Amino acid sequence: MPVPLAPYPSPPPPALAPSFTPPPANGSTGGQSQLVCSGCRNLLMYPVGATSVCCAVCNAVTAVPPPGTEMAQLVCGGCHTLLMYIRGATSVQCSCCHTVNLALEANQVAQVNCGNCWMLLMYQYGARSVKCAVCNFVTSVGGSASTTDLKFNS
């Protein structure tokens, strides 16, 4: 008596390649957000709701900040890399050159013209003086124009 043969299981359907949907022309990211890779500093796009993103270039896994977290950006003073950080942080360490950057909010920064070369200077609000990076002149900012401005040679 012949033994009945069981049919071979049908092969699974071929995996569909993910389709690329270009971003809308109006600038919206269409349910996606972006962050900077913690490994190679490339800009990563990810779907809203993801908790982490794996970079396709360097395979580094970058944690996604919780929803509703406001992010800010600054340029590193050491290597000029664009850094992203959680708004409200007081300092940000660069992952490339390890420089610790002071993170100031717009309302914590004041401006004054250098008392020597008139270059517009920005300084932390509340400081008593600011040194010009162009001519090294120290301008007092404690209220009125001061005659006690000092010039340092460095």
Protein backbone atom coordinates (compact mmCIF):
# COMPACT_ATOMS: atom_id res chain seq x y z
CA MET A 1 0.00 0.00 0.00
CA PRO A 2 1.47 3.31 -1.00
CA VAL A 3 2.08 5.87 1.72
CA PRO A 4 0.33 9.17 1.04
CA LEU A 5 2.76 12.06 0.76
CA ALA A 6 2.01 15.22 2.59
CA PRO A 7 2.10 18.26 0.38
CA TYR A 8 5.03 20.58 0.87
CA PRO A 9 4.03 23.69 2.77
CA SER A 10 3.59 26.63 0.52
CA PRO A 11 6.52 29.03 0.70
CA PRO A 12 5.89 32.27 2.54
CA PRO A 13 5.08 35.23 0.35
CA PRO A 14 8.17 37.26 -0.56
CA ALA A 15 8.92 40.08 1.83
CA LEU A 16 7.91 43.37 0.36
CA ALA A 17 10.61 45.97 0.25
CA PRO A 18 9.64 49.02 2.25
CA SER A 19 8.36 51.65 -0.07
CA PHE A 20 9.85 55.10 0.02
CA THR A 21 7.35 57.89 0.35
CA PRO A 22 8.86 61.26 -0.38
CA PRO A 23 8.11 63.96 2.18
CA PRO A 24 5.20 66.26 1.38
CA ALA A 25 6.09 69.37 -0.59
CA ASN A 26 4.75 71.69 2.11
CA GLY A 27 7.68 70.88 4.45
CA SER A 28 5.69 68.63 6.78
CA THR A 29 7.42 65.43 7.81
CA GLY A 30 4.18 63.43 7.62
CA GLY A 31 4.28 61.61 10.97
CA GLN A 32 8.06 61.55 11.16
CA SER A 33 10.52 63.39 13.32
CA GLN A 34 14.27 63.80 13.23
CA LEU A 35 17.28 63.75 15.52
CA VAL A 36 21.05 63.68 15.27
CA CYS A 37 22.77 60.27 15.43
CA SER A 38 24.77 59.86 18.64
CA GLY A 39 27.46 58.01 16.70
CA CYS A 40 28.19 59.67 13.36
CA ARG A 41 26.17 62.92 13.77
CA ASN A 42 24.04 62.27 10.67
CA LEU A 43 20.45 63.49 10.69
CA LEU A 44 18.08 60.55 11.30
CA MET A 45 14.38 60.45 10.37
CA TYR A 46 12.13 58.19 12.43
CA PRO A 47 8.41 57.56 12.83
CA VAL A 48 6.67 59.43 15.61
CA GLY A 49 6.28 57.12 18.59
CA ALA A 50 9.62 55.31 18.23
CA THR A 51 11.69 55.02 21.42
CA SER A 52 15.07 54.57 19.74
CA VAL A 53 16.58 54.77 16.25
CA CYS A 54 19.34 52.61 14.76
CA CYS A 55 21.56 54.52 12.32
CA ALA A 56 21.93 52.82 8.94
CA VAL A 57 25.41 54.33 8.51
CA CYS A 58 27.17 53.52 11.80
CA ASN A 59 24.65 51.19 13.53
CA ALA A 60 24.63 53.38 16.66
CA VAL A 61 21.35 53.29 18.58
CA THR A 62 20.14 56.74 19.61
CA ALA A 63 17.42 57.15 22.22
CA VAL A 64 14.46 59.29 21.18
CA PRO A 65 13.48 61.98 23.70
CA PRO A 66 10.02 61.53 25.24
CA PRO A 67 7.10 63.08 23.33
CA GLY A 68 6.60 66.74 24.09
CA THR A 69 10.27 67.31 24.93
CA GLU A 70 11.42 70.60 23.47
CA MET A 71 14.79 70.43 21.78
CA ALA A 72 17.25 73.24 21.14
CA GLN A 73 20.41 73.52 19.06
CA LEU A 74 23.78 75.19 19.42
CA VAL A 75 27.09 75.13 17.58
CA CYS A 76 29.98 73.64 19.56
CA GLY A 77 32.59 76.24 20.44
CA GLY A 78 35.38 73.68 20.04
CA CYS A 79 34.71 71.93 16.71
CA HIS A 80 31.69 73.84 15.29
CA THR A 81 29.47 70.72 15.19
CA LEU A 82 25.74 71.32 15.43
CA LEU A 83 24.53 69.94 18.77
CA MET A 84 20.96 69.15 19.78
CA TYR A 85 19.97 69.13 23.43
CA ILE A 86 16.90 69.21 25.64
CA ARG A 87 15.76 72.81 26.09
CA GLY A 88 16.50 74.04 29.59
CA ALA A 89 19.89 72.33 29.96
CA THR A 90 22.57 74.65 31.34
CA SER A 91 25.50 73.00 29.55
CA VAL A 92 26.03 70.56 26.69
CA GLN A 93 29.09 68.35 26.19
CA CYS A 94 30.05 67.79 22.57
CA SER A 95 30.26 64.10 21.69
CA CYS A 96 32.91 64.84 19.04
CA CYS A 97 35.51 66.99 20.84
CA HIS A 98 34.15 66.74 24.44
CA THR A 99 34.01 70.53 24.85
CA VAL A 100 31.48 71.59 27.48
CA ASN A 101 29.34 74.34 25.95
CA LEU A 102 27.26 76.81 27.94
CA ALA A 103 23.64 76.52 26.80
CA LEU A 104 21.93 79.87 27.18
CA GLU A 105 18.29 80.58 26.43
CA ALA A 106 17.49 83.66 24.38
CA ASN A 107 16.28 85.51 27.46
CA GLN A 108 19.57 84.78 29.29
CA VAL A 109 21.71 86.54 26.69
CA ALA A 110 22.35 90.26 26.47
CA GLN A 111 24.19 92.37 23.91
CA VAL A 112 26.48 95.38 24.05
CA ASN A 113 28.84 97.11 21.64
CA CYS A 114 32.55 96.82 22.44
CA GLY A 115 33.81 100.03 24.04
CA ASN A 116 36.84 100.01 21.76
CA CYS A 117 36.00 98.60 18.30
CA TRP A 118 32.16 98.72 18.48
CA MET A 119 31.81 95.02 17.62
CA LEU A 120 28.43 93.69 18.81
CA LEU A 121 29.12 91.37 21.76
CA MET A 122 26.81 88.81 23.36
CA TYR A 123 27.21 87.86 27.00
CA GLN A 124 25.37 86.07 29.78
CA TYR A 125 22.72 88.32 31.27
CA GLY A 126 23.86 89.60 34.65
CA ALA A 127 27.59 89.67 33.86
CA ARG A 128 29.49 92.79 34.99
CA SER A 129 31.77 92.94 31.97
CA VAL A 130 32.48 91.24 28.66
CA LYS A 131 35.79 90.80 26.84
CA CYS A 132 35.83 91.40 23.09
CA ALA A 133 37.21 88.46 21.13
CA VAL A 134 38.36 90.81 18.35
CA CYS A 135 40.39 93.46 20.21
CA ASN A 136 40.52 92.00 23.79
CA PHE A 137 38.94 95.12 25.26
CA VAL A 138 36.86 94.54 28.40
CA THR A 139 33.64 96.52 28.40
CA SER A 140 31.68 97.08 31.62
CA VAL A 141 28.00 96.25 31.28
CA GLY A 142 26.82 97.03 34.80
CA GLY A 143 24.48 99.88 33.82
CA SER A 144 26.02 103.05 32.45
CA ALA A 145 28.99 103.53 30.16
CA SER A 146 31.99 103.17 32.39
CA THR A 147 35.34 104.92 32.35
CA THR A 148 36.89 101.93 34.13
CA ASP A 149 37.00 99.71 31.04
CA LEU A 150 40.26 97.79 30.92
CA LYS A 151 42.25 96.63 27.96
CA PHE A 152 44.02 93.29 28.36
CA ASN A 153 46.76 92.11 26.08
CA SER A 154 46.78 88.39 25.50
